[in-house]
Amino acid sequence: MPQYWLFKTEPDEYSIDDLAREGECLWEGIRNYQARNRLRDEVEVGDLVFIYHSSCAVPAVVGLAEVTATGCVDDAQFNAQSPYYDSKSTREAPRWVTVRVRYREHLPNAITLKDIKSRKSFTDMELVTRARLSIQHVSQKEADELLKQGK
């Protein structure tokens, strides 16, 4: 059974519309070790991802994607011109790994952070309890509620 995740992105940098246009992308630029470890150790092919727009006027869950590949090296860590460059990482021992995701759908009804925080069913959701983490686990119960509200 697939797990559910919430991946944060800043829509002015990369949005659900960008993912829809491209169809699939490498989820690059994660530079938090706990988030990286989840991508490396827990996220699996076939898992479903809620795309969450953060650092914007109205933060919200806006769509769904599916994980299509895991254990991918984030090449941005080797590019000195990239904001995700890591001078301590080498191709022989890369520090940053990620996953590839495929666009599934926009949610007809975006679910705002304000709405999530106001609902008792989301009290334990990592988005509420660990707001800053960019890769978050979503329980089956939370996923069902998000899908219900989003559609």
Protein backbone atom coordinates (compact mmCIF):
# COMPACT_ATOMS: atom_id res chain seq x y z
CA MET A 1 0.00 0.00 0.00
CA PRO A 2 1.46 3.37 -0.95
CA GLN A 3 2.37 5.91 1.70
CA TYR A 4 1.42 9.57 1.51
CA TRP A 5 3.79 12.51 1.75
CA LEU A 6 3.60 16.27 1.64
CA PHE A 7 6.35 17.99 -0.37
CA LYS A 8 6.71 21.73 0.06
CA THR A 9 7.64 24.02 -2.79
CA GLU A 10 7.67 27.75 -3.26
CA PRO A 11 5.36 28.43 -6.21
CA ASP A 12 7.45 31.33 -7.53
CA GLU A 13 10.37 28.88 -7.79
CA TYR A 14 8.54 25.69 -8.85
CA SER A 15 4.77 25.26 -8.76
CA ILE A 16 2.20 22.54 -9.39
CA ASP A 17 1.66 24.23 -12.78
CA ASP A 18 5.35 23.73 -13.60
CA LEU A 19 5.10 20.07 -12.66
CA ALA A 20 1.93 19.67 -14.74
CA ARG A 21 3.65 21.27 -17.75
CA GLU A 22 6.80 19.12 -17.40
CA GLY A 23 4.92 15.95 -16.45
CA GLU A 24 7.74 14.66 -14.26
CA CYS A 25 10.71 16.13 -12.40
CA LEU A 26 13.57 15.41 -10.06
CA TRP A 27 12.62 16.91 -6.68
CA GLU A 28 15.92 18.71 -6.24
CA GLY A 29 17.22 21.22 -3.75
CA ILE A 30 16.40 19.53 -0.45
CA ARG A 31 19.18 20.62 1.92
CA ASN A 32 17.87 19.48 5.28
CA TYR A 33 19.30 16.20 6.55
CA GLN A 34 16.06 14.95 8.10
CA ALA A 35 14.15 15.62 4.87
CA ARG A 36 16.98 14.05 2.85
CA ASN A 37 16.93 10.96 5.06
CA ARG A 38 13.20 10.54 4.50
CA LEU A 39 13.70 10.81 0.75
CA ARG A 40 16.55 8.32 0.94
CA ASP A 41 15.15 5.83 3.46
CA GLU A 42 11.35 6.04 3.55
CA VAL A 43 9.84 7.36 0.32
CA GLU A 44 9.13 4.55 -2.17
CA VAL A 45 8.15 4.23 -5.81
CA GLY A 46 4.35 4.44 -6.03
CA ASP A 47 3.96 6.65 -2.96
CA LEU A 48 1.61 9.59 -3.42
CA VAL A 49 2.68 13.16 -2.76
CA PHE A 50 0.57 16.14 -1.83
CA ILE A 51 2.16 19.22 -3.39
CA TYR A 52 2.10 22.13 -0.96
CA HIS A 53 2.75 25.72 -1.97
CA SER A 54 4.63 27.48 0.83
CA SER A 55 6.16 30.92 1.34
CA CYS A 56 3.37 32.58 -0.64
CA ALA A 57 0.28 34.70 -0.01
CA VAL A 58 -1.96 31.69 0.65
CA PRO A 59 -0.01 28.53 1.59
CA ALA A 60 -2.03 25.49 0.51
CA VAL A 61 -2.12 21.88 -0.62
CA VAL A 62 -2.75 22.27 -4.35
CA GLY A 63 -2.26 18.93 -6.08
CA LEU A 64 -1.02 15.37 -6.22
CA ALA A 65 2.03 13.66 -7.64
CA GLU A 66 3.39 10.11 -7.59
CA VAL A 67 6.93 8.96 -6.86
CA THR A 68 8.41 7.25 -9.93
CA ALA A 69 12.05 6.76 -8.87
CA THR A 70 14.04 6.82 -5.64
CA GLY A 71 17.73 6.99 -4.78
CA CYS A 72 18.38 9.70 -7.38
CA VAL A 73 21.49 11.82 -6.96
CA ASP A 74 20.69 15.53 -6.83
CA ASP A 75 23.15 16.85 -9.41
CA ALA A 76 22.58 20.45 -8.30
CA GLN A 77 24.95 19.75 -5.40
CA PHE A 78 27.87 19.59 -7.88
CA ASN A 79 27.01 22.79 -9.79
CA ALA A 80 28.88 25.75 -8.30
CA GLN A 81 26.39 28.11 -10.02
CA SER A 82 23.40 26.47 -8.31
CA PRO A 83 21.90 27.75 -5.06
CA TYR A 84 21.90 24.07 -4.03
CA TYR A 85 25.67 23.63 -4.51
CA ASP A 86 27.50 21.75 -1.75
CA SER A 87 31.28 22.09 -1.88
CA LYS A 88 31.72 19.14 0.49
CA SER A 89 29.83 16.69 -1.72
CA THR A 90 31.55 14.56 -4.34
CA ARG A 91 30.26 12.37 -7.16
CA GLU A 92 31.92 9.40 -5.42
CA ALA A 93 30.10 10.18 -2.16
CA PRO A 94 27.12 12.44 -2.86
CA ARG A 95 25.50 13.92 0.24
CA TRP A 96 22.15 14.76 -1.33
CA VAL A 97 19.75 12.25 -2.83
CA THR A 98 16.20 12.77 -3.94
CA VAL A 99 13.28 11.24 -5.82
CA ARG A 100 11.55 11.71 -9.15
CA VAL A 101 7.85 12.59 -9.14
CA ARG A 102 5.15 12.55 -11.82
CA TYR A 103 2.24 14.96 -11.92
CA ARG A 104 -1.13 13.35 -11.12
CA GLU A 105 -3.61 16.20 -10.74
CA HIS A 106 -4.47 19.63 -9.42
CA LEU A 107 -6.92 19.51 -6.54
CA PRO A 108 -10.09 21.39 -7.57
CA ASN A 109 -10.20 22.93 -4.09
CA ALA A 110 -6.87 24.06 -2.68
CA ILE A 111 -6.68 23.31 1.05
CA THR A 112 -5.17 26.29 2.81
CA LEU A 113 -2.89 26.11 5.82
CA LYS A 114 -5.45 28.18 7.70
CA ASP A 115 -8.13 25.57 6.92
CA ILE A 116 -5.83 22.71 7.94
CA LYS A 117 -4.97 24.38 11.24
CA SER A 118 -8.65 24.98 11.98
CA ARG A 119 -9.70 21.32 11.62
CA LYS A 120 -9.49 18.87 14.49
CA SER A 121 -8.74 16.02 12.04
CA PHE A 122 -5.35 17.63 11.27
CA THR A 123 -4.21 18.36 14.84
CA ASP A 124 -1.39 15.77 14.66
CA MET A 125 -0.42 16.45 11.05
CA GLU A 126 3.28 17.27 10.64
CA LEU A 127 2.31 20.41 8.72
CA VAL A 128 0.83 21.66 12.00
CA THR A 129 3.31 20.14 14.46
CA ARG A 130 6.57 20.39 12.45
CA ALA A 131 5.76 23.18 10.04
CA ARG A 132 9.25 23.87 8.68
CA LEU A 133 10.18 20.38 7.47
CA SER A 134 9.99 20.25 3.65
CA ILE A 135 9.27 16.50 3.33
CA GLN A 136 6.50 15.37 5.65
CA HIS A 137 4.71 12.10 6.21
CA VAL A 138 0.92 12.17 5.88
CA SER A 139 -1.11 9.46 7.61
CA GLN A 140 -3.79 7.51 5.75
CA LYS A 141 -6.48 9.28 7.80
CA GLU A 142 -5.02 12.70 6.98
CA ALA A 143 -4.66 11.79 3.31
CA ASP A 144 -8.29 10.65 3.11
CA GLU A 145 -9.43 13.93 4.67
CA LEU A 146 -7.22 16.03 2.36
CA LEU A 147 -8.54 14.18 -0.70
CA LYS A 148 -12.12 14.62 0.49
CA GLN A 149 -11.65 18.35 1.00
CA GLY A 150 -9.60 18.83 -2.16
CA LYS A 151 -12.11 17.19 -4.45
